[in-house]
Structures are given as C-alpha cells and as structure tokens.
Amino acid sequence: MLTVNTPAPQFTTQNQDGQTIRLADFLGKKQVVLYFYPRDDTPGCTIQANQFTDQTSDFAQQDAVILGVSKDSCESHLYFIDKFGLRFDLLSDPEGVLCEQYGVWQEKEKNGTKKMGIVRSTFIINKSGVLVDVEYGVNPEGHAQKVLDKIESLG
C-alpha cells in the first residue's frame, strides 16, 4: 500500500470519452483527488460520486481536480455520468493496472466469501506529484466533504 510523502504512481488511461488522461497533465497545475470505487451505478458508488459532484466548484477553488477510477468501461462511465449529471472525469482501468499501482486491488470478504475487488480508496496528490493523503477503505457517505476539508487544511 502507498504512503504519504511518496511520489504518486504515474498513469496514463482513458476517461469516459476515450480521451487519454495522464497524471503528468496536472503536474504544476492542479492538485488531484484520485478516488477508486468498485463499480458504476451501485448504491455506495453513486452516493460518493454525487457528493463529489455537489462540491466540484469547491474543489476547483482549491485548485483540485477530481478523478474517479474503476475497472468499468468508458461506455459504462459515460452512462453513469449522464444518468446522475456527474461533473468530473471517470477513468477506465479495465486491466486493473492503476488498481495494482495504487494498492486498491485487494482480497475482500462478504458474507463469508473471499474474493478480489477494489477497496474504496482516495489519494490526494499535490501539484508536485507527491501523495499528501492516502486513505484505504473509506465510507462513501460524507467522504467528499472530508476530502475537501483535508485539502483546505493542507493549504
């Protein structure tokens, strides 16, 4: 798992529109809130995405961009965005490369059955590309506000 004050793993992947997005695109310009979630259009993931959308302008005032990541396809992301009016990019990681790089692909247990899956996690990356906050196993309810509070406190 990743730790604070280490370089964020670099990535290149596609957003919902099939456009190439690189972490390097934001270096020196924006802080990045990179959050990983299990699946588009599921209850917890929808709560989290809607709450980030509700505060998109607050994040923008802090020079922060929000990027959501799951293993869903670009098409699935586009449907999710359209259905709920989400106002930030969702990155597609179908092969799980980003999930592995960021240590979010882990064994999970539900109803006594163990299987691999994305552990809901959030990373705040500063303009220099350094991890300033790392949180694994987050609760979706109220999480966007907690992340915003952390960014504001980091100043």
N, C-alpha and C. Protein backbone atom coordinates (compact mmCIF):
# COMPACT_ATOMS: atom_id res chain seq x y z
N MET A 1 0.84 -1.19 0.00
CA MET A 1 0.00 0.00 0.00
C MET A 1 0.88 1.25 0.00
N LEU A 2 0.35 2.30 -0.55
CA LEU A 2 1.08 3.55 -0.68
C LEU A 2 1.04 4.34 0.63
N THR A 3 2.01 5.25 0.77
CA THR A 3 2.09 6.07 1.98
C THR A 3 2.26 7.54 1.61
N VAL A 4 1.95 8.39 2.57
CA VAL A 4 2.06 9.83 2.41
C VAL A 4 3.53 10.21 2.21
N ASN A 5 3.74 11.31 1.51
CA ASN A 5 5.05 11.89 1.23
C ASN A 5 5.92 11.03 0.32
N THR A 6 5.28 10.24 -0.55
CA THR A 6 5.99 9.48 -1.57
C THR A 6 5.42 9.90 -2.93
N PRO A 7 6.20 9.74 -3.99
CA PRO A 7 5.68 10.11 -5.31
C PRO A 7 4.47 9.26 -5.69
N ALA A 8 3.47 9.90 -6.25
CA ALA A 8 2.29 9.17 -6.73
C ALA A 8 2.68 8.38 -7.97
N PRO A 9 2.22 7.14 -8.09
CA PRO A 9 2.49 6.39 -9.30
C PRO A 9 1.91 7.11 -10.53
N GLN A 10 2.73 7.25 -11.55
CA GLN A 10 2.29 7.89 -12.78
C GLN A 10 1.32 6.98 -13.52
N PHE A 11 0.38 7.56 -14.25
CA PHE A 11 -0.55 6.74 -15.02
C PHE A 11 -0.96 7.44 -16.30
N THR A 12 -1.38 6.62 -17.24
CA THR A 12 -1.98 7.07 -18.49
C THR A 12 -3.13 6.13 -18.76
N THR A 13 -4.34 6.68 -18.89
CA THR A 13 -5.51 5.85 -19.14
C THR A 13 -6.56 6.70 -19.86
N GLN A 14 -7.71 6.12 -20.11
CA GLN A 14 -8.76 6.84 -20.82
C GLN A 14 -9.90 7.24 -19.88
N ASN A 15 -10.50 8.39 -20.19
CA ASN A 15 -11.69 8.82 -19.46
C ASN A 15 -12.93 8.31 -20.17
N GLN A 16 -14.07 8.73 -19.70
CA GLN A 16 -15.36 8.27 -20.24
C GLN A 16 -15.53 8.58 -21.73
N ASP A 17 -14.84 9.59 -22.23
CA ASP A 17 -14.96 9.97 -23.63
C ASP A 17 -13.89 9.33 -24.51
N GLY A 18 -13.07 8.47 -23.91
CA GLY A 18 -11.99 7.84 -24.66
C GLY A 18 -10.78 8.74 -24.82
N GLN A 19 -10.75 9.87 -24.11
CA GLN A 19 -9.60 10.77 -24.17
C GLN A 19 -8.50 10.25 -23.23
N THR A 20 -7.26 10.41 -23.63
CA THR A 20 -6.13 9.99 -22.80
C THR A 20 -5.91 10.99 -21.68
N ILE A 21 -5.85 10.47 -20.46
CA ILE A 21 -5.61 11.29 -19.27
C ILE A 21 -4.34 10.77 -18.61
N ARG A 22 -3.44 11.70 -18.29
CA ARG A 22 -2.18 11.35 -17.63
C ARG A 22 -2.06 12.15 -16.33
N LEU A 23 -1.51 11.54 -15.32
CA LEU A 23 -1.25 12.30 -14.09
C LEU A 23 -0.33 13.47 -14.42
N ALA A 24 0.61 13.26 -15.32
CA ALA A 24 1.56 14.31 -15.70
C ALA A 24 0.87 15.56 -16.24
N ASP A 25 -0.35 15.40 -16.80
CA ASP A 25 -1.10 16.55 -17.32
C ASP A 25 -1.41 17.59 -16.25
N PHE A 26 -1.45 17.15 -15.00
CA PHE A 26 -1.86 18.03 -13.91
C PHE A 26 -0.68 18.58 -13.09
N LEU A 27 0.51 18.01 -13.30
CA LEU A 27 1.67 18.43 -12.51
C LEU A 27 1.95 19.92 -12.70
N GLY A 28 2.16 20.60 -11.58
CA GLY A 28 2.43 22.03 -11.60
C GLY A 28 1.18 22.88 -11.80
N LYS A 29 0.02 22.25 -12.04
CA LYS A 29 -1.20 23.00 -12.34
C LYS A 29 -2.31 22.77 -11.32
N LYS A 30 -2.56 21.52 -10.99
CA LYS A 30 -3.70 21.16 -10.14
C LYS A 30 -3.31 20.10 -9.12
N GLN A 31 -3.99 20.14 -7.98
CA GLN A 31 -3.96 19.01 -7.07
C GLN A 31 -4.93 17.99 -7.64
N VAL A 32 -4.68 16.72 -7.38
CA VAL A 32 -5.54 15.68 -7.92
C VAL A 32 -6.14 14.87 -6.77
N VAL A 33 -7.46 14.74 -6.78
CA VAL A 33 -8.14 13.82 -5.88
C VAL A 33 -8.45 12.59 -6.75
N LEU A 34 -7.70 11.53 -6.51
CA LEU A 34 -7.85 10.29 -7.27
C LEU A 34 -8.57 9.30 -6.36
N TYR A 35 -9.82 8.99 -6.71
CA TYR A 35 -10.54 8.07 -5.86
C TYR A 35 -10.95 6.82 -6.63
N PHE A 36 -10.80 5.69 -5.99
CA PHE A 36 -11.11 4.39 -6.58
C PHE A 36 -12.40 3.88 -5.95
N TYR A 37 -13.26 3.32 -6.80
CA TYR A 37 -14.54 2.81 -6.32
C TYR A 37 -14.85 1.50 -7.05
N PRO A 38 -15.65 0.62 -6.44
CA PRO A 38 -15.87 -0.71 -7.01
C PRO A 38 -16.59 -0.77 -8.35
N ARG A 39 -17.71 -0.04 -8.51
CA ARG A 39 -18.49 -0.23 -9.74
C ARG A 39 -19.45 0.94 -9.96
N ASP A 40 -19.59 1.30 -11.25
CA ASP A 40 -20.54 2.35 -11.63
C ASP A 40 -21.96 1.99 -11.23
N ASP A 41 -22.74 3.01 -10.87
CA ASP A 41 -24.18 2.90 -10.67
C ASP A 41 -24.59 1.87 -9.62
N THR A 42 -23.80 1.76 -8.57
CA THR A 42 -24.17 0.95 -7.41
C THR A 42 -24.41 1.92 -6.25
N PRO A 43 -25.12 1.51 -5.21
CA PRO A 43 -25.54 2.47 -4.17
C PRO A 43 -24.41 3.31 -3.56
N GLY A 44 -23.39 2.68 -3.01
CA GLY A 44 -22.31 3.43 -2.36
C GLY A 44 -21.54 4.28 -3.34
N CYS A 45 -21.29 3.75 -4.53
CA CYS A 45 -20.54 4.48 -5.54
C CYS A 45 -21.32 5.69 -6.05
N THR A 46 -22.63 5.55 -6.13
CA THR A 46 -23.47 6.66 -6.57
C THR A 46 -23.50 7.77 -5.51
N ILE A 47 -23.62 7.39 -4.25
CA ILE A 47 -23.57 8.38 -3.16
C ILE A 47 -22.27 9.17 -3.25
N GLN A 48 -21.17 8.45 -3.34
CA GLN A 48 -19.86 9.10 -3.36
C GLN A 48 -19.72 10.02 -4.58
N ALA A 49 -20.09 9.54 -5.75
CA ALA A 49 -19.96 10.35 -6.98
C ALA A 49 -20.84 11.59 -6.92
N ASN A 50 -22.07 11.43 -6.44
CA ASN A 50 -22.97 12.59 -6.35
C ASN A 50 -22.44 13.61 -5.36
N GLN A 51 -21.87 13.18 -4.25
CA GLN A 51 -21.34 14.13 -3.27
C GLN A 51 -20.10 14.85 -3.80
N PHE A 52 -19.25 14.15 -4.56
CA PHE A 52 -18.13 14.84 -5.19
C PHE A 52 -18.65 15.86 -6.21
N THR A 53 -19.67 15.49 -6.99
CA THR A 53 -20.26 16.41 -7.97
C THR A 53 -20.82 17.65 -7.29
N ASP A 54 -21.51 17.46 -6.16
CA ASP A 54 -22.08 18.59 -5.44
C ASP A 54 -21.02 19.60 -5.01
N GLN A 55 -19.78 19.15 -4.87
CA GLN A 55 -18.73 20.04 -4.38
C GLN A 55 -17.63 20.30 -5.40
N THR A 56 -17.93 20.02 -6.67
CA THR A 56 -16.93 20.21 -7.71
C THR A 56 -16.37 21.63 -7.71
N SER A 57 -17.23 22.63 -7.57
CA SER A 57 -16.75 24.02 -7.60
C SER A 57 -15.90 24.34 -6.38
N ASP A 58 -16.22 23.74 -5.22
CA ASP A 58 -15.41 23.95 -4.02
C ASP A 58 -14.00 23.37 -4.21
N PHE A 59 -13.92 22.21 -4.86
CA PHE A 59 -12.61 21.62 -5.15
C PHE A 59 -11.86 22.49 -6.15
N ALA A 60 -12.57 23.01 -7.16
CA ALA A 60 -11.94 23.86 -8.16
C ALA A 60 -11.34 25.12 -7.52
N GLN A 61 -12.02 25.67 -6.51
CA GLN A 61 -11.50 26.85 -5.80
C GLN A 61 -10.19 26.52 -5.07
N GLN A 62 -9.96 25.26 -4.78
CA GLN A 62 -8.73 24.83 -4.11
C GLN A 62 -7.69 24.33 -5.14
N ASP A 63 -7.92 24.62 -6.40
CA ASP A 63 -7.05 24.14 -7.49
C ASP A 63 -6.94 22.62 -7.48
N ALA A 64 -8.07 21.96 -7.26
CA ALA A 64 -8.08 20.50 -7.22
C ALA A 64 -9.05 19.95 -8.25
N VAL A 65 -8.65 18.89 -8.91
CA VAL A 65 -9.48 18.19 -9.87
C VAL A 65 -9.81 16.82 -9.30
N ILE A 66 -11.03 16.36 -9.56
CA ILE A 66 -11.47 15.05 -9.07
C ILE A 66 -11.42 14.07 -10.23
N LEU A 67 -10.85 12.89 -9.97
CA LEU A 67 -10.83 11.81 -10.95
C LEU A 67 -11.27 10.54 -10.26
N GLY A 68 -12.34 9.94 -10.74
CA GLY A 68 -12.81 8.66 -10.21
C GLY A 68 -12.26 7.54 -11.07
N VAL A 69 -11.94 6.39 -10.44
CA VAL A 69 -11.38 5.25 -11.17
C VAL A 69 -12.09 3.97 -10.77
N SER A 70 -12.48 3.19 -11.77
CA SER A 70 -12.94 1.83 -11.54
C SER A 70 -12.54 0.99 -12.75
N LYS A 71 -12.82 -0.30 -12.70
CA LYS A 71 -12.49 -1.18 -13.81
C LYS A 71 -13.58 -1.17 -14.88
N ASP A 72 -14.61 -0.35 -14.70
CA ASP A 72 -15.68 -0.27 -15.69
C ASP A 72 -15.17 0.32 -17.01
N SER A 73 -15.89 0.03 -18.09
CA SER A 73 -15.53 0.53 -19.42
C SER A 73 -15.84 2.03 -19.54
N CYS A 74 -15.28 2.64 -20.58
CA CYS A 74 -15.58 4.04 -20.87
C CYS A 74 -17.07 4.22 -21.10
N GLU A 75 -17.70 3.28 -21.79
CA GLU A 75 -19.14 3.36 -22.07
C GLU A 75 -19.95 3.33 -20.78
N SER A 76 -19.57 2.46 -19.86
CA SER A 76 -20.26 2.38 -18.57
C SER A 76 -20.11 3.70 -17.82
N HIS A 77 -18.90 4.26 -17.84
CA HIS A 77 -18.66 5.55 -17.18
C HIS A 77 -19.54 6.64 -17.79
N LEU A 78 -19.63 6.65 -19.10
CA LEU A 78 -20.43 7.67 -19.78
C LEU A 78 -21.89 7.57 -19.37
N TYR A 79 -22.41 6.37 -19.30
CA TYR A 79 -23.79 6.15 -18.85
C TYR A 79 -23.97 6.64 -17.41
N PHE A 80 -23.03 6.31 -16.53
CA PHE A 80 -23.08 6.71 -15.12
C PHE A 80 -23.08 8.24 -15.01
N ILE A 81 -22.21 8.88 -15.76
CA ILE A 81 -22.11 10.35 -15.74
C ILE A 81 -23.42 10.97 -16.23
N ASP A 82 -23.93 10.45 -17.34
CA ASP A 82 -25.17 11.00 -17.91
C ASP A 82 -26.36 10.78 -16.97
N LYS A 83 -26.44 9.62 -16.38
CA LYS A 83 -27.58 9.28 -15.52
C LYS A 83 -27.67 10.21 -14.31
N PHE A 84 -26.51 10.56 -13.74
CA PHE A 84 -26.52 11.35 -12.50
C PHE A 84 -25.99 12.78 -12.66
N GLY A 85 -25.61 13.17 -13.88
CA GLY A 85 -25.12 14.53 -14.10
C GLY A 85 -23.79 14.79 -13.40
N LEU A 86 -22.93 13.79 -13.37
CA LEU A 86 -21.62 13.94 -12.71
C LEU A 86 -20.79 14.96 -13.48
N ARG A 87 -19.97 15.73 -12.74
CA ARG A 87 -19.21 16.82 -13.34
C ARG A 87 -17.71 16.67 -13.19
N PHE A 88 -17.23 15.45 -13.31
CA PHE A 88 -15.79 15.21 -13.30
C PHE A 88 -15.52 13.94 -14.10
N ASP A 89 -14.25 13.74 -14.45
CA ASP A 89 -13.89 12.59 -15.27
C ASP A 89 -13.86 11.30 -14.47
N LEU A 90 -14.29 10.23 -15.14
CA LEU A 90 -14.15 8.88 -14.61
C LEU A 90 -13.15 8.16 -15.51
N LEU A 91 -12.16 7.55 -14.89
CA LEU A 91 -11.11 6.87 -15.64
C LEU A 91 -11.38 5.38 -15.67
N SER A 92 -11.16 4.80 -16.84
CA SER A 92 -11.39 3.38 -17.04
C SER A 92 -10.09 2.62 -16.85
N ASP A 93 -10.14 1.59 -16.02
CA ASP A 93 -8.96 0.76 -15.72
C ASP A 93 -9.33 -0.72 -15.87
N PRO A 94 -9.75 -1.13 -17.08
CA PRO A 94 -10.28 -2.48 -17.26
C PRO A 94 -9.28 -3.59 -16.94
N GLU A 95 -8.00 -3.34 -17.14
CA GLU A 95 -6.98 -4.35 -16.86
C GLU A 95 -6.51 -4.29 -15.41
N GLY A 96 -6.93 -3.28 -14.67
CA GLY A 96 -6.57 -3.16 -13.26
C GLY A 96 -5.16 -2.66 -13.01
N VAL A 97 -4.55 -2.02 -14.00
CA VAL A 97 -3.17 -1.52 -13.85
C VAL A 97 -3.09 -0.45 -12.77
N LEU A 98 -3.98 0.56 -12.83
CA LEU A 98 -3.98 1.61 -11.80
C LEU A 98 -4.32 1.02 -10.44
N CYS A 99 -5.28 0.11 -10.43
CA CYS A 99 -5.68 -0.52 -9.15
C CYS A 99 -4.49 -1.20 -8.49
N GLU A 100 -3.68 -1.87 -9.28
CA GLU A 100 -2.48 -2.53 -8.74
C GLU A 100 -1.45 -1.49 -8.30
N GLN A 101 -1.21 -0.48 -9.13
CA GLN A 101 -0.22 0.56 -8.80
C GLN A 101 -0.54 1.25 -7.48
N TYR A 102 -1.83 1.48 -7.25
CA TYR A 102 -2.24 2.22 -6.06
C TYR A 102 -2.62 1.30 -4.90
N GLY A 103 -2.50 0.00 -5.08
CA GLY A 103 -2.72 -0.95 -3.99
C GLY A 103 -4.16 -1.10 -3.54
N VAL A 104 -5.11 -0.83 -4.45
CA VAL A 104 -6.52 -0.91 -4.07
C VAL A 104 -7.17 -2.24 -4.46
N TRP A 105 -6.48 -3.05 -5.27
CA TRP A 105 -6.99 -4.36 -5.67
C TRP A 105 -6.60 -5.34 -4.57
N GLN A 106 -7.56 -5.66 -3.73
CA GLN A 106 -7.27 -6.45 -2.52
C GLN A 106 -8.32 -7.54 -2.33
N GLU A 107 -7.98 -8.49 -1.49
CA GLU A 107 -8.95 -9.51 -1.13
C GLU A 107 -9.98 -8.90 -0.20
N LYS A 108 -11.25 -9.14 -0.52
CA LYS A 108 -12.35 -8.63 0.30
C LYS A 108 -13.22 -9.81 0.70
N GLU A 109 -13.88 -9.67 1.84
CA GLU A 109 -14.77 -10.73 2.29
C GLU A 109 -16.17 -10.18 2.47
N LYS A 110 -17.14 -10.89 1.90
CA LYS A 110 -18.54 -10.50 2.02
C LYS A 110 -19.35 -11.78 2.23
N ASN A 111 -20.12 -11.79 3.30
CA ASN A 111 -20.95 -12.95 3.64
C ASN A 111 -20.13 -14.24 3.68
N GLY A 112 -18.92 -14.15 4.21
CA GLY A 112 -18.08 -15.32 4.38
C GLY A 112 -17.35 -15.77 3.12
N THR A 113 -17.54 -15.08 2.02
CA THR A 113 -16.88 -15.43 0.76
C THR A 113 -15.78 -14.42 0.47
N LYS A 114 -14.58 -14.92 0.21
CA LYS A 114 -13.46 -14.04 -0.11
C LYS A 114 -13.29 -13.96 -1.62
N LYS A 115 -13.07 -12.74 -2.09
CA LYS A 115 -12.76 -12.54 -3.50
C LYS A 115 -11.99 -11.24 -3.66
N MET A 116 -11.35 -11.09 -4.79
CA MET A 116 -10.58 -9.88 -5.07
C MET A 116 -11.53 -8.78 -5.56
N GLY A 117 -11.22 -7.55 -5.19
CA GLY A 117 -12.03 -6.42 -5.62
C GLY A 117 -11.35 -5.11 -5.27
N ILE A 118 -11.95 -4.03 -5.74
CA ILE A 118 -11.43 -2.69 -5.45
C ILE A 118 -11.88 -2.28 -4.06
N VAL A 119 -10.91 -1.93 -3.23
CA VAL A 119 -11.19 -1.36 -1.92
C VAL A 119 -11.35 0.14 -2.12
N ARG A 120 -12.50 0.67 -1.75
CA ARG A 120 -12.77 2.10 -1.93
C ARG A 120 -11.67 2.90 -1.24
N SER A 121 -10.96 3.70 -2.02
CA SER A 121 -9.77 4.40 -1.52
C SER A 121 -9.64 5.76 -2.20
N THR A 122 -8.98 6.70 -1.50
CA THR A 122 -8.79 8.05 -2.05
C THR A 122 -7.36 8.51 -1.80
N PHE A 123 -6.82 9.17 -2.82
CA PHE A 123 -5.45 9.69 -2.76
C PHE A 123 -5.49 11.16 -3.15
N ILE A 124 -4.86 12.00 -2.34
CA ILE A 124 -4.71 13.42 -2.69
C ILE A 124 -3.26 13.59 -3.12
N ILE A 125 -3.10 14.09 -4.35
CA ILE A 125 -1.77 14.26 -4.95
C ILE A 125 -1.55 15.75 -5.15
N ASN A 126 -0.45 16.27 -4.61
CA ASN A 126 -0.21 17.71 -4.74
C ASN A 126 0.31 18.06 -6.14
N LYS A 127 0.51 19.34 -6.39
CA LYS A 127 0.92 19.80 -7.71
C LYS A 127 2.30 19.30 -8.11
N SER A 128 3.07 18.83 -7.13
CA SER A 128 4.40 18.29 -7.41
C SER A 128 4.36 16.79 -7.67
N GLY A 129 3.17 16.19 -7.58
CA GLY A 129 3.06 14.75 -7.83
C GLY A 129 3.33 13.88 -6.63
N VAL A 130 3.24 14.47 -5.44
CA VAL A 130 3.51 13.75 -4.19
C VAL A 130 2.18 13.44 -3.49
N LEU A 131 2.08 12.25 -2.95
CA LEU A 131 0.90 11.86 -2.17
C LEU A 131 0.90 12.61 -0.86
N VAL A 132 -0.11 13.43 -0.63
CA VAL A 132 -0.21 14.18 0.62
C VAL A 132 -1.27 13.60 1.54
N ASP A 133 -2.11 12.71 1.00
CA ASP A 133 -3.07 11.99 1.83
C ASP A 133 -3.41 10.67 1.13
N VAL A 134 -3.46 9.61 1.94
CA VAL A 134 -3.75 8.27 1.45
C VAL A 134 -4.76 7.66 2.40
N GLU A 135 -5.89 7.20 1.85
CA GLU A 135 -6.90 6.58 2.70
C GLU A 135 -7.50 5.37 2.00
N TYR A 136 -7.33 4.21 2.61
CA TYR A 136 -7.90 2.96 2.10
C TYR A 136 -9.14 2.61 2.93
N GLY A 137 -10.14 2.01 2.27
CA GLY A 137 -11.32 1.53 2.98
C GLY A 137 -12.23 2.65 3.46
N VAL A 138 -12.50 3.62 2.59
CA VAL A 138 -13.31 4.77 3.00
C VAL A 138 -14.80 4.46 2.97
N ASN A 139 -15.55 5.21 3.76
CA ASN A 139 -17.01 5.16 3.78
C ASN A 139 -17.50 6.22 2.79
N PRO A 140 -18.36 5.85 1.82
CA PRO A 140 -18.76 6.83 0.81
C PRO A 140 -19.56 8.02 1.35
N GLU A 141 -20.37 7.80 2.37
CA GLU A 141 -21.23 8.86 2.90
C GLU A 141 -20.39 9.94 3.58
N GLY A 142 -20.47 11.16 3.06
CA GLY A 142 -19.75 12.29 3.65
C GLY A 142 -18.27 12.35 3.29
N HIS A 143 -17.82 11.43 2.45
CA HIS A 143 -16.39 11.36 2.14
C HIS A 143 -15.90 12.57 1.36
N ALA A 144 -16.70 13.06 0.41
CA ALA A 144 -16.27 14.21 -0.39
C ALA A 144 -15.97 15.42 0.50
N GLN A 145 -16.81 15.66 1.50
CA GLN A 145 -16.58 16.79 2.40
C GLN A 145 -15.31 16.59 3.21
N LYS A 146 -15.07 15.36 3.65
CA LYS A 146 -13.84 15.07 4.41
C LYS A 146 -12.60 15.33 3.56
N VAL A 147 -12.66 14.93 2.28
CA VAL A 147 -11.53 15.16 1.39
C VAL A 147 -11.33 16.66 1.17
N LEU A 148 -12.40 17.40 0.96
CA LEU A 148 -12.31 18.84 0.78
C LEU A 148 -11.70 19.49 2.02
N ASP A 149 -12.14 19.07 3.20
CA ASP A 149 -11.59 19.61 4.46
C ASP A 149 -10.09 19.35 4.54
N LYS A 150 -9.66 18.17 4.12
CA LYS A 150 -8.22 17.84 4.16
C LYS A 150 -7.44 18.75 3.22
N ILE A 151 -7.97 18.95 2.01
CA ILE A 151 -7.29 19.82 1.05
C ILE A 151 -7.19 21.23 1.58
N GLU A 152 -8.27 21.73 2.17
CA GLU A 152 -8.24 23.08 2.73
C GLU A 152 -7.24 23.19 3.87
N SER A 153 -7.13 22.14 4.69
CA SER A 153 -6.19 22.17 5.81
C SER A 153 -4.74 22.07 5.35
N LEU A 154 -4.52 21.46 4.19
CA LEU A 154 -3.16 21.36 3.66
C LEU A 154 -2.70 22.70 3.09
N GLY A 155 -3.68 23.54 2.77
CA GLY A 155 -3.44 24.91 2.32
C GLY A 155 -2.60 24.98 1.10
